[in-house]
Amino acid sequence: MMALTLTRFWPAADCTIGRLLINGEHECFTLEDPVRVGDIFAVKVAGATAIPAGRYGVVMTYSERFRRELPLLVDVPNFTGIRIHAGNRASDTEGCILVGTTRLADRVLHSVDALVALLPKLRAGLAEGLVSIDIIDSAATGLA
């Protein structure tokens, strides 16, 4: 089984930067909408906040929006359509996870390169069985 781990480390005003590991090895950096904190009912707000920390399944399906096959997170409470795709800034995501090979305080860079490297690994993992992603709010960020 392939295990992805996304740890959210660096919150910014309009996004959260994290690191994605595959089976414990660094793969790339991530960018999501801000994590909603300080509310025991911290429910995701569509297009405005990140999904809740937790474990989710990952499948590859065709995206009508992007006109290509992309990773899709499944069983996200009260939300559907969370994908992993290319993009650099908070304005490029509506709740999805963006990937990049480099990070700055408020963006990821070289996102197409990161996605091109990630997709065959996910396809190979899915060919061998299940793929899951653990999303963790790091205590270092005050998000935990």
Foldseek 3Di string as FASTA:
>chain_A
DKEKEWEFAADDPFWTKTFIDIVNHTQFIKIFGDQQDDDPCRCDDFQHHEADFFKWWWDWDADPVVRGIFIFTPDRPPDGDATEAADWASVVDRHHMFTARADDNTTHPNRVVSRVVPVVVVVVVVVVPIYMYGYHYDVNHVRD
